[in-house]
N, C-alpha and C. Protein backbone atom coordinates (compact mmCIF):
# COMPACT_ATOMS: atom_id res chain seq x y z
N MET A 1 0.83 -1.19 0.00
CA MET A 1 0.00 0.00 0.00
C MET A 1 0.88 1.27 0.00
N TRP A 2 1.96 1.21 0.78
CA TRP A 2 2.86 2.35 0.85
C TRP A 2 3.42 2.68 -0.53
N LEU A 3 3.83 1.65 -1.25
CA LEU A 3 4.41 1.84 -2.58
C LEU A 3 3.37 2.37 -3.55
N ARG A 4 2.16 1.90 -3.47
CA ARG A 4 1.09 2.40 -4.35
C ARG A 4 0.80 3.87 -4.06
N ARG A 5 0.80 4.23 -2.79
CA ARG A 5 0.57 5.64 -2.45
C ARG A 5 1.71 6.51 -2.98
N ARG A 6 2.92 6.05 -2.84
CA ARG A 6 4.07 6.81 -3.37
C ARG A 6 3.96 6.98 -4.88
N LEU A 7 3.58 5.91 -5.57
CA LEU A 7 3.44 5.97 -7.03
C LEU A 7 2.31 6.93 -7.42
N ALA A 8 1.20 6.88 -6.71
CA ALA A 8 0.09 7.79 -7.00
C ALA A 8 0.51 9.25 -6.74
N THR A 9 1.25 9.46 -5.67
CA THR A 9 1.73 10.81 -5.37
C THR A 9 2.68 11.30 -6.45
N ALA A 10 3.58 10.45 -6.89
CA ALA A 10 4.52 10.83 -7.95
C ALA A 10 3.78 11.15 -9.25
N ARG A 11 2.75 10.40 -9.57
CA ARG A 11 1.97 10.67 -10.79
C ARG A 11 1.21 11.99 -10.67
N ARG A 12 0.64 12.24 -9.51
CA ARG A 12 -0.05 13.53 -9.30
C ARG A 12 0.94 14.68 -9.39
N GLY A 13 2.10 14.50 -8.82
CA GLY A 13 3.13 15.53 -8.90
C GLY A 13 3.56 15.80 -10.32
N ARG A 14 3.70 14.75 -11.10
CA ARG A 14 4.07 14.90 -12.51
C ARG A 14 2.98 15.64 -13.27
N ASP A 15 1.72 15.32 -12.98
CA ASP A 15 0.61 16.01 -13.63
C ASP A 15 0.59 17.50 -13.26
N GLN A 16 0.89 17.81 -12.00
CA GLN A 16 0.94 19.21 -11.58
C GLN A 16 2.08 19.96 -12.26
N LEU A 17 3.21 19.30 -12.40
CA LEU A 17 4.34 19.94 -13.09
C LEU A 17 4.01 20.17 -14.56
N ASP A 18 3.32 19.23 -15.17
CA ASP A 18 2.92 19.38 -16.56
C ASP A 18 1.95 20.56 -16.70
N ARG A 19 1.02 20.66 -15.78
CA ARG A 19 0.07 21.78 -15.79
C ARG A 19 0.82 23.11 -15.62
N LYS A 20 1.78 23.12 -14.72
CA LYS A 20 2.58 24.33 -14.49
C LYS A 20 3.30 24.74 -15.77
N LEU A 21 3.87 23.78 -16.47
CA LEU A 21 4.56 24.09 -17.73
C LEU A 21 3.60 24.63 -18.78
N ARG A 22 2.41 24.03 -18.85
CA ARG A 22 1.44 24.50 -19.85
C ARG A 22 1.00 25.94 -19.57
N ILE A 23 1.11 26.38 -18.34
CA ILE A 23 0.77 27.76 -18.01
C ILE A 23 1.98 28.68 -18.19
N LEU A 24 3.16 28.22 -17.77
CA LEU A 24 4.34 29.09 -17.78
C LEU A 24 4.95 29.29 -19.17
N VAL A 25 4.89 28.29 -20.03
CA VAL A 25 5.53 28.43 -21.35
C VAL A 25 4.88 29.54 -22.18
N PRO A 26 3.55 29.60 -22.29
CA PRO A 26 2.97 30.75 -23.01
C PRO A 26 3.26 32.08 -22.32
N GLU A 27 3.29 32.06 -20.99
CA GLU A 27 3.63 33.28 -20.25
C GLU A 27 5.05 33.72 -20.58
N LEU A 28 5.96 32.77 -20.68
CA LEU A 28 7.35 33.08 -21.04
C LEU A 28 7.42 33.69 -22.43
N GLU A 29 6.71 33.13 -23.37
CA GLU A 29 6.73 33.68 -24.73
C GLU A 29 6.17 35.10 -24.76
N ARG A 30 5.10 35.32 -24.00
CA ARG A 30 4.52 36.66 -23.94
C ARG A 30 5.52 37.66 -23.36
N HIS A 31 6.23 37.25 -22.32
CA HIS A 31 7.23 38.14 -21.70
C HIS A 31 8.44 38.34 -22.61
N ARG A 32 8.81 37.34 -23.36
CA ARG A 32 9.92 37.53 -24.31
C ARG A 32 9.58 38.57 -25.36
N LEU A 33 8.37 38.49 -25.91
CA LEU A 33 7.95 39.47 -26.90
C LEU A 33 7.90 40.87 -26.29
N LEU A 34 7.39 40.96 -25.07
CA LEU A 34 7.33 42.25 -24.40
C LEU A 34 8.73 42.79 -24.13
N ALA A 35 9.65 41.91 -23.73
CA ALA A 35 11.02 42.34 -23.46
C ALA A 35 11.69 42.85 -24.74
N GLU A 36 11.44 42.18 -25.85
CA GLU A 36 12.00 42.65 -27.13
C GLU A 36 11.45 44.03 -27.49
N ALA A 37 10.14 44.19 -27.32
CA ALA A 37 9.53 45.49 -27.64
C ALA A 37 10.07 46.58 -26.72
N ARG A 38 10.22 46.26 -25.44
CA ARG A 38 10.74 47.26 -24.50
C ARG A 38 12.20 47.58 -24.79
N ALA A 39 12.98 46.60 -25.21
CA ALA A 39 14.37 46.85 -25.56
C ALA A 39 14.45 47.76 -26.79
N ASP A 40 13.56 47.54 -27.75
CA ASP A 40 13.52 48.41 -28.93
C ASP A 40 13.14 49.84 -28.55
N GLU A 41 12.15 49.96 -27.64
CA GLU A 41 11.75 51.30 -27.18
C GLU A 41 12.92 52.00 -26.49
N TRP A 42 13.64 51.24 -25.68
CA TRP A 42 14.78 51.82 -24.96
C TRP A 42 15.87 52.26 -25.93
N ALA A 43 16.16 51.42 -26.92
CA ALA A 43 17.18 51.78 -27.91
C ALA A 43 16.78 53.04 -28.68
N ALA A 44 15.50 53.12 -29.05
CA ALA A 44 15.03 54.31 -29.76
C ALA A 44 15.11 55.55 -28.88
N ALA A 45 14.72 55.41 -27.62
CA ALA A 45 14.78 56.55 -26.69
C ALA A 45 16.23 56.99 -26.47
N CYS A 46 17.15 56.03 -26.42
CA CYS A 46 18.58 56.39 -26.25
C CYS A 46 19.10 57.13 -27.47
N ARG A 47 18.68 56.72 -28.67
CA ARG A 47 19.12 57.42 -29.87
C ARG A 47 18.60 58.86 -29.88
N VAL A 48 17.34 59.04 -29.49
CA VAL A 48 16.78 60.40 -29.43
C VAL A 48 17.53 61.23 -28.40
N ALA A 49 17.80 60.64 -27.23
CA ALA A 49 18.52 61.37 -26.17
C ALA A 49 19.93 61.74 -26.62
N GLU A 50 20.60 60.83 -27.30
CA GLU A 50 21.95 61.14 -27.79
C GLU A 50 21.92 62.27 -28.82
N THR A 51 20.90 62.28 -29.66
CA THR A 51 20.77 63.35 -30.66
C THR A 51 20.58 64.70 -29.96
N TRP A 52 19.69 64.74 -28.97
CA TRP A 52 19.47 65.99 -28.25
C TRP A 52 20.70 66.39 -27.44
N LEU A 53 21.41 65.41 -26.91
CA LEU A 53 22.64 65.72 -26.17
C LEU A 53 23.66 66.39 -27.10
N LEU A 54 23.79 65.87 -28.28
CA LEU A 54 24.72 66.45 -29.24
C LEU A 54 24.31 67.89 -29.59
N ARG A 55 23.00 68.10 -29.79
CA ARG A 55 22.52 69.45 -30.11
C ARG A 55 22.80 70.41 -28.96
N ALA A 56 22.48 69.98 -27.75
CA ALA A 56 22.68 70.87 -26.58
C ALA A 56 24.16 71.16 -26.38
N THR A 57 25.02 70.17 -26.61
CA THR A 57 26.46 70.37 -26.46
C THR A 57 26.98 71.33 -27.52
N LEU A 58 26.51 71.18 -28.74
CA LEU A 58 26.96 72.06 -29.82
C LEU A 58 26.50 73.49 -29.59
N LEU A 59 25.30 73.67 -29.02
CA LEU A 59 24.79 75.02 -28.81
C LEU A 59 25.39 75.72 -27.60
N GLY A 60 25.65 74.97 -26.52
CA GLY A 60 26.09 75.65 -25.30
C GLY A 60 27.33 75.09 -24.66
N GLY A 61 27.85 74.01 -25.18
CA GLY A 61 29.03 73.41 -24.59
C GLY A 61 28.67 72.52 -23.40
N GLU A 62 29.69 71.85 -22.88
CA GLU A 62 29.46 70.94 -21.77
C GLU A 62 29.08 71.65 -20.49
N ASP A 63 29.49 72.89 -20.36
CA ASP A 63 29.14 73.65 -19.16
C ASP A 63 27.64 73.88 -19.08
N ALA A 64 27.00 74.07 -20.21
CA ALA A 64 25.55 74.28 -20.23
C ALA A 64 24.84 73.02 -19.74
N LEU A 65 25.38 71.87 -20.07
CA LEU A 65 24.76 70.61 -19.64
C LEU A 65 24.98 70.36 -18.16
N SER A 66 26.18 70.63 -17.68
CA SER A 66 26.46 70.36 -16.26
C SER A 66 25.66 71.29 -15.36
N SER A 67 25.36 72.49 -15.83
CA SER A 67 24.55 73.41 -15.01
C SER A 67 23.07 73.01 -15.03
N ALA A 68 22.66 72.21 -16.01
CA ALA A 68 21.26 71.80 -16.13
C ALA A 68 20.95 70.54 -15.32
N THR A 69 21.95 69.81 -14.86
CA THR A 69 21.70 68.59 -14.10
C THR A 69 21.35 68.92 -12.67
N THR A 70 20.43 68.13 -12.11
CA THR A 70 20.02 68.36 -10.73
C THR A 70 20.84 67.52 -9.76
N GLY A 71 21.26 66.35 -10.18
CA GLY A 71 22.06 65.49 -9.32
C GLY A 71 21.24 64.76 -8.27
N THR A 72 19.93 64.89 -8.31
CA THR A 72 19.10 64.17 -7.33
C THR A 72 18.75 62.79 -7.89
N PRO A 73 18.85 61.76 -7.05
CA PRO A 73 18.54 60.41 -7.53
C PRO A 73 17.03 60.23 -7.73
N VAL A 74 16.70 59.33 -8.57
CA VAL A 74 15.29 58.98 -8.80
C VAL A 74 15.02 57.63 -8.16
N GLU A 75 13.77 57.35 -7.92
CA GLU A 75 13.38 56.06 -7.37
C GLU A 75 12.59 55.29 -8.42
N VAL A 76 12.69 53.98 -8.33
CA VAL A 76 11.97 53.12 -9.25
C VAL A 76 10.95 52.33 -8.43
N ASP A 77 9.72 52.39 -8.86
CA ASP A 77 8.64 51.66 -8.21
C ASP A 77 8.30 50.46 -9.08
N VAL A 78 8.47 49.26 -8.54
CA VAL A 78 8.24 48.03 -9.30
C VAL A 78 7.02 47.32 -8.74
N ARG A 79 6.10 46.96 -9.61
CA ARG A 79 4.92 46.19 -9.21
C ARG A 79 5.15 44.74 -9.63
N TRP A 80 4.93 43.83 -8.70
CA TRP A 80 5.21 42.41 -8.93
C TRP A 80 3.91 41.62 -9.01
N THR A 81 3.99 40.46 -9.65
CA THR A 81 2.88 39.52 -9.66
C THR A 81 3.44 38.12 -9.50
N VAL A 82 2.56 37.17 -9.22
CA VAL A 82 2.98 35.78 -9.04
C VAL A 82 2.11 34.90 -9.94
N THR A 83 2.76 34.05 -10.72
CA THR A 83 2.07 33.07 -11.54
C THR A 83 2.67 31.71 -11.26
N MET A 84 1.86 30.79 -10.80
CA MET A 84 2.30 29.42 -10.51
C MET A 84 3.53 29.41 -9.60
N GLY A 85 3.54 30.30 -8.63
CA GLY A 85 4.63 30.34 -7.66
C GLY A 85 5.85 31.12 -8.10
N VAL A 86 5.80 31.74 -9.26
CA VAL A 86 6.95 32.51 -9.76
C VAL A 86 6.62 34.00 -9.62
N ALA A 87 7.40 34.70 -8.83
CA ALA A 87 7.23 36.15 -8.68
C ALA A 87 8.10 36.85 -9.71
N TYR A 88 7.51 37.81 -10.42
CA TYR A 88 8.26 38.56 -11.42
C TYR A 88 7.64 39.95 -11.57
N PRO A 89 8.45 40.92 -12.02
CA PRO A 89 7.92 42.29 -12.18
C PRO A 89 7.03 42.39 -13.41
N VAL A 90 5.93 43.11 -13.27
CA VAL A 90 5.05 43.33 -14.41
C VAL A 90 5.05 44.78 -14.85
N GLU A 91 5.44 45.65 -13.94
CA GLU A 91 5.45 47.06 -14.29
C GLU A 91 6.50 47.77 -13.45
N ALA A 92 7.18 48.68 -14.06
CA ALA A 92 8.15 49.49 -13.34
C ALA A 92 7.99 50.93 -13.80
N ARG A 93 7.99 51.81 -12.84
CA ARG A 93 7.88 53.23 -13.21
C ARG A 93 8.89 54.02 -12.40
N VAL A 94 9.28 55.13 -12.98
CA VAL A 94 10.25 56.02 -12.35
C VAL A 94 9.49 57.06 -11.55
N VAL A 95 9.86 57.17 -10.29
CA VAL A 95 9.26 58.19 -9.44
C VAL A 95 10.25 59.35 -9.39
N THR A 96 9.89 60.44 -10.02
CA THR A 96 10.80 61.59 -10.07
C THR A 96 10.60 62.44 -8.83
N PRO A 97 11.67 62.86 -8.24
CA PRO A 97 11.55 63.72 -7.05
C PRO A 97 11.06 65.11 -7.45
N ALA A 98 10.61 65.83 -6.49
CA ALA A 98 10.19 67.21 -6.75
C ALA A 98 11.41 68.01 -7.20
N THR A 99 11.25 68.69 -8.30
CA THR A 99 12.38 69.45 -8.84
C THR A 99 12.43 70.82 -8.18
N PRO A 100 13.62 71.27 -7.88
CA PRO A 100 13.76 72.62 -7.30
C PRO A 100 13.40 73.68 -8.34
N ALA A 101 13.41 74.89 -7.94
CA ALA A 101 13.10 75.98 -8.86
C ALA A 101 14.03 75.90 -10.07
N ALA A 102 13.44 76.12 -11.21
CA ALA A 102 14.18 75.97 -12.46
C ALA A 102 15.31 76.99 -12.55
N ALA A 103 16.47 76.46 -12.90
CA ALA A 103 17.63 77.33 -13.12
C ALA A 103 17.51 77.89 -14.52
N PRO A 104 18.16 79.00 -14.76
CA PRO A 104 18.11 79.56 -16.11
C PRO A 104 18.69 78.56 -17.11
N VAL A 105 18.00 78.39 -18.22
CA VAL A 105 18.41 77.43 -19.24
C VAL A 105 19.48 78.08 -20.12
N ALA A 106 20.55 77.33 -20.34
CA ALA A 106 21.68 77.87 -21.10
C ALA A 106 21.36 78.01 -22.57
N ASN A 107 20.60 77.09 -23.13
CA ASN A 107 20.21 77.20 -24.54
C ASN A 107 18.90 76.46 -24.76
N ALA A 108 18.37 76.58 -25.93
CA ALA A 108 17.04 76.03 -26.24
C ALA A 108 17.03 74.51 -26.29
N ALA A 109 18.16 73.87 -26.42
CA ALA A 109 18.20 72.41 -26.56
C ALA A 109 18.30 71.69 -25.21
N VAL A 110 18.54 72.42 -24.12
CA VAL A 110 18.74 71.78 -22.83
C VAL A 110 17.45 71.14 -22.32
N SER A 111 16.34 71.84 -22.39
CA SER A 111 15.06 71.28 -21.90
C SER A 111 14.64 70.04 -22.68
N PRO A 112 14.67 70.07 -24.04
CA PRO A 112 14.34 68.85 -24.77
C PRO A 112 15.33 67.71 -24.50
N THR A 113 16.58 68.05 -24.23
CA THR A 113 17.59 67.04 -23.91
C THR A 113 17.24 66.36 -22.60
N ALA A 114 16.88 67.16 -21.60
CA ALA A 114 16.50 66.60 -20.30
C ALA A 114 15.26 65.72 -20.44
N ALA A 115 14.28 66.19 -21.21
CA ALA A 115 13.06 65.38 -21.43
C ALA A 115 13.39 64.09 -22.16
N ALA A 116 14.30 64.14 -23.12
CA ALA A 116 14.68 62.93 -23.87
C ALA A 116 15.40 61.94 -22.96
N PHE A 117 16.26 62.44 -22.05
CA PHE A 117 16.95 61.55 -21.13
C PHE A 117 15.99 60.97 -20.09
N ASP A 118 15.00 61.76 -19.69
CA ASP A 118 13.97 61.22 -18.78
C ASP A 118 13.20 60.09 -19.46
N ALA A 119 12.86 60.29 -20.73
CA ALA A 119 12.14 59.26 -21.48
C ALA A 119 13.01 58.01 -21.65
N ALA A 120 14.30 58.21 -21.87
CA ALA A 120 15.21 57.07 -22.01
C ALA A 120 15.35 56.32 -20.68
N LEU A 121 15.36 57.06 -19.59
CA LEU A 121 15.41 56.43 -18.27
C LEU A 121 14.18 55.58 -18.02
N VAL A 122 13.01 56.12 -18.31
CA VAL A 122 11.77 55.37 -18.13
C VAL A 122 11.77 54.13 -19.02
N ALA A 123 12.18 54.28 -20.27
CA ALA A 123 12.24 53.12 -21.18
C ALA A 123 13.24 52.09 -20.70
N GLY A 124 14.37 52.54 -20.15
CA GLY A 124 15.37 51.61 -19.63
C GLY A 124 14.88 50.83 -18.43
N VAL A 125 14.16 51.51 -17.54
CA VAL A 125 13.61 50.84 -16.36
C VAL A 125 12.57 49.81 -16.78
N ARG A 126 11.71 50.18 -17.71
CA ARG A 126 10.69 49.24 -18.19
C ARG A 126 11.33 48.04 -18.88
N SER A 127 12.39 48.30 -19.64
CA SER A 127 13.10 47.21 -20.31
C SER A 127 13.77 46.28 -19.30
N ALA A 128 14.36 46.85 -18.26
CA ALA A 128 15.00 46.03 -17.23
C ALA A 128 13.98 45.16 -16.51
N ALA A 129 12.81 45.71 -16.23
CA ALA A 129 11.76 44.93 -15.57
C ALA A 129 11.30 43.79 -16.46
N ALA A 130 11.14 44.06 -17.74
CA ALA A 130 10.72 43.01 -18.67
C ALA A 130 11.79 41.93 -18.79
N ASP A 131 13.05 42.31 -18.82
CA ASP A 131 14.14 41.33 -18.88
C ASP A 131 14.17 40.47 -17.62
N GLU A 132 13.94 41.07 -16.47
CA GLU A 132 13.93 40.32 -15.21
C GLU A 132 12.77 39.33 -15.19
N ALA A 133 11.63 39.74 -15.71
CA ALA A 133 10.48 38.83 -15.78
C ALA A 133 10.82 37.62 -16.65
N VAL A 134 11.45 37.86 -17.78
CA VAL A 134 11.85 36.76 -18.67
C VAL A 134 12.83 35.84 -17.95
N ARG A 135 13.82 36.42 -17.28
CA ARG A 135 14.82 35.61 -16.60
C ARG A 135 14.19 34.73 -15.52
N ARG A 136 13.31 35.30 -14.74
CA ARG A 136 12.69 34.53 -13.65
C ARG A 136 11.78 33.42 -14.18
N VAL A 137 10.98 33.73 -15.18
CA VAL A 137 10.09 32.70 -15.73
C VAL A 137 10.89 31.62 -16.44
N GLU A 138 11.94 32.01 -17.17
CA GLU A 138 12.82 31.02 -17.82
C GLU A 138 13.44 30.07 -16.81
N THR A 139 13.90 30.63 -15.70
CA THR A 139 14.52 29.82 -14.65
C THR A 139 13.52 28.81 -14.10
N GLU A 140 12.30 29.25 -13.87
CA GLU A 140 11.29 28.34 -13.32
C GLU A 140 10.87 27.28 -14.33
N VAL A 141 10.78 27.65 -15.60
CA VAL A 141 10.44 26.66 -16.64
C VAL A 141 11.54 25.59 -16.71
N ALA A 142 12.79 26.02 -16.67
CA ALA A 142 13.91 25.06 -16.72
C ALA A 142 13.88 24.13 -15.51
N ALA A 143 13.64 24.69 -14.32
CA ALA A 143 13.59 23.86 -13.11
C ALA A 143 12.42 22.89 -13.16
N THR A 144 11.29 23.33 -13.66
CA THR A 144 10.11 22.46 -13.76
C THR A 144 10.38 21.33 -14.75
N ARG A 145 11.03 21.65 -15.86
CA ARG A 145 11.36 20.59 -16.83
C ARG A 145 12.33 19.58 -16.23
N ARG A 146 13.30 20.04 -15.44
CA ARG A 146 14.23 19.12 -14.76
C ARG A 146 13.49 18.20 -13.80
N ARG A 147 12.57 18.77 -13.05
CA ARG A 147 11.79 17.95 -12.10
C ARG A 147 10.95 16.91 -12.84
N MET A 148 10.35 17.32 -13.94
CA MET A 148 9.54 16.36 -14.72
C MET A 148 10.40 15.25 -15.28
N ARG A 149 11.58 15.61 -15.79
CA ARG A 149 12.48 14.58 -16.32
C ARG A 149 12.89 13.61 -15.22
N ALA A 150 13.16 14.14 -14.03
CA ALA A 150 13.54 13.27 -12.91
C ALA A 150 12.41 12.30 -12.58
N LEU A 151 11.19 12.80 -12.59
CA LEU A 151 10.05 11.91 -12.32
C LEU A 151 9.87 10.90 -13.45
N ASP A 152 9.94 11.37 -14.69
CA ASP A 152 9.71 10.49 -15.84
C ASP A 152 10.81 9.45 -16.02
N LYS A 153 12.04 9.85 -15.80
CA LYS A 153 13.17 8.96 -16.12
C LYS A 153 13.64 8.13 -14.93
N ARG A 154 13.40 8.62 -13.70
CA ARG A 154 13.95 7.91 -12.54
C ARG A 154 12.87 7.43 -11.58
N TRP A 155 12.14 8.38 -10.99
CA TRP A 155 11.24 8.00 -9.91
C TRP A 155 10.08 7.11 -10.36
N LEU A 156 9.35 7.54 -11.38
CA LEU A 156 8.20 6.74 -11.82
C LEU A 156 8.61 5.34 -12.29
N PRO A 157 9.65 5.20 -13.14
CA PRO A 157 10.05 3.85 -13.52
C PRO A 157 10.52 3.01 -12.32
N TRP A 158 11.26 3.63 -11.40
CA TRP A 158 11.74 2.89 -10.24
C TRP A 158 10.57 2.44 -9.36
N LEU A 159 9.61 3.33 -9.12
CA LEU A 159 8.46 2.96 -8.31
C LEU A 159 7.60 1.90 -8.99
N GLU A 160 7.40 2.04 -10.31
CA GLU A 160 6.61 1.04 -11.04
C GLU A 160 7.30 -0.32 -11.03
N GLN A 161 8.63 -0.33 -11.23
CA GLN A 161 9.37 -1.59 -11.21
C GLN A 161 9.32 -2.21 -9.81
N SER A 162 9.50 -1.40 -8.79
CA SER A 162 9.44 -1.91 -7.42
C SER A 162 8.07 -2.48 -7.12
N LEU A 163 7.02 -1.81 -7.56
CA LEU A 163 5.66 -2.31 -7.33
C LEU A 163 5.44 -3.61 -8.07
N THR A 164 5.90 -3.71 -9.30
CA THR A 164 5.75 -4.94 -10.08
C THR A 164 6.49 -6.09 -9.41
N GLU A 165 7.73 -5.84 -8.99
CA GLU A 165 8.51 -6.89 -8.31
C GLU A 165 7.83 -7.33 -7.02
N LEU A 166 7.32 -6.37 -6.27
CA LEU A 166 6.66 -6.69 -5.01
C LEU A 166 5.38 -7.48 -5.25
N GLU A 167 4.60 -7.08 -6.25
CA GLU A 167 3.37 -7.81 -6.56
C GLU A 167 3.68 -9.24 -7.01
N LEU A 168 4.75 -9.41 -7.82
CA LEU A 168 5.13 -10.76 -8.25
C LEU A 168 5.57 -11.61 -7.06
N SER A 169 6.35 -11.03 -6.16
CA SER A 169 6.79 -11.82 -5.01
C SER A 169 5.62 -12.15 -4.09
N LEU A 170 4.68 -11.23 -3.94
CA LEU A 170 3.49 -11.52 -3.12
C LEU A 170 2.62 -12.59 -3.78
N GLU A 171 2.48 -12.51 -5.10
CA GLU A 171 1.69 -13.52 -5.81
C GLU A 171 2.35 -14.90 -5.70
N GLN A 172 3.66 -14.94 -5.82
CA GLN A 172 4.38 -16.20 -5.69
C GLN A 172 4.23 -16.76 -4.28
N ALA A 173 4.36 -15.89 -3.28
CA ALA A 173 4.20 -16.34 -1.89
C ALA A 173 2.78 -16.83 -1.65
N GLU A 174 1.80 -16.18 -2.26
CA GLU A 174 0.40 -16.61 -2.11
C GLU A 174 0.18 -17.97 -2.75
N GLN A 175 0.76 -18.19 -3.91
CA GLN A 175 0.63 -19.49 -4.56
C GLN A 175 1.31 -20.59 -3.74
N GLU A 176 2.48 -20.28 -3.21
CA GLU A 176 3.18 -21.27 -2.37
C GLU A 176 2.37 -21.58 -1.12
N GLU A 177 1.77 -20.57 -0.53
CA GLU A 177 0.94 -20.78 0.66
C GLU A 177 -0.29 -21.61 0.31
N GLY A 178 -0.85 -21.37 -0.87
CA GLY A 178 -2.00 -22.17 -1.32
C GLY A 178 -1.63 -23.63 -1.48
N VAL A 179 -0.47 -23.90 -2.04
CA VAL A 179 -0.01 -25.28 -2.21
C VAL A 179 0.20 -25.92 -0.84
N ARG A 180 0.81 -25.22 0.08
CA ARG A 180 1.02 -25.75 1.43
C ARG A 180 -0.31 -26.06 2.12
N LEU A 181 -1.28 -25.17 1.97
CA LEU A 181 -2.58 -25.39 2.60
C LEU A 181 -3.30 -26.59 1.98
N ARG A 182 -3.21 -26.74 0.68
CA ARG A 182 -3.84 -27.92 0.03
C ARG A 182 -3.18 -29.19 0.48
N LEU A 183 -1.85 -29.16 0.59
CA LEU A 183 -1.14 -30.34 1.06
C LEU A 183 -1.48 -30.65 2.52
N ALA A 184 -1.64 -29.64 3.31
CA ALA A 184 -1.96 -29.83 4.73
C ALA A 184 -3.39 -30.30 4.90
N ALA A 185 -4.30 -29.90 4.02
CA ALA A 185 -5.70 -30.27 4.15
C ALA A 185 -5.98 -31.66 3.57
N ARG A 186 -5.11 -32.19 2.81
CA ARG A 186 -5.31 -33.49 2.18
C ARG A 186 -5.26 -34.57 3.27
N PRO A 187 -6.17 -35.56 3.19
CA PRO A 187 -6.12 -36.63 4.19
C PRO A 187 -4.82 -37.43 4.02
N PRO A 188 -4.33 -37.94 5.16
CA PRO A 188 -3.06 -38.69 5.06
C PRO A 188 -3.26 -39.96 4.24
N ALA A 189 -2.26 -40.33 3.53
CA ALA A 189 -2.31 -41.54 2.70
C ALA A 189 -2.39 -42.77 3.60
N ARG A 190 -3.11 -43.84 3.12
CA ARG A 190 -3.25 -45.06 3.92
C ARG A 190 -1.94 -45.77 4.01
N GLY A 191 -1.71 -46.27 5.12
CA GLY A 191 -0.51 -47.05 5.35
C GLY A 191 0.67 -46.18 5.75
N VAL A 192 0.49 -44.91 5.73
CA VAL A 192 1.57 -44.03 6.11
C VAL A 192 1.19 -43.35 7.42
N GLU A 193 2.00 -43.54 8.40
CA GLU A 193 1.72 -42.89 9.67
C GLU A 193 2.19 -41.47 9.64
N PRO A 194 1.42 -40.63 10.33
CA PRO A 194 1.81 -39.22 10.36
C PRO A 194 3.02 -38.98 11.19
C-alpha cells in the first residue's frame, strides 16, 4: 500500500508539473515578446537622447549641460505579480523627485535634452523589468522541466518496477501458501503414519 501511495503521489506531482509548464511556457513567450519590444523602445529613446545631447552640447558646450543637471537620484517603483509560484515584475515606473526651482536654461536644446533623457530612463527601467520577468520565468520553466524529467526517467520507472517486483513476489508467496494449505488439508495416505 505504501508503494502504491508513493506511485500515486509521484503521478499527481508529474501532472501538476505538466500543468505548471502549460501555463508558464505561453507566459514566457509573452514576456519575451514584451522584453524585445521594451528593448527596442529603450534603444530608440537612447538614440533620441543622444541626438538631443549632441545638439545641446553644440549650442552651449558641456558647461551648459552640467549646469542643467540636478544630481538628485530617482526612485523606481516596481509592481510584482505571481504566476504558478513565480514572482516577477510586471510594471516598473520612475518616481521623479520634486524638482527645485528651475535654473536659467543655457540654450534652447537643454530642456528637450532633459526630457529625452527622462524618457530614455523610463524606457530603460521598463526594459530592465521586462528582462527580469523573462529571466525569472525562464529559470522556473527550466527547473520544472528538470523535475519532470527526474520523475519520468527515474522515480516513476523505479516505483513502477518496485511495485511490479513486489506484486510478483506476493503472488508467488500466495501461490506457495495455497499449495502448502492444500497439502496440509489433504487426508493422510493409507498405510503411512503421520
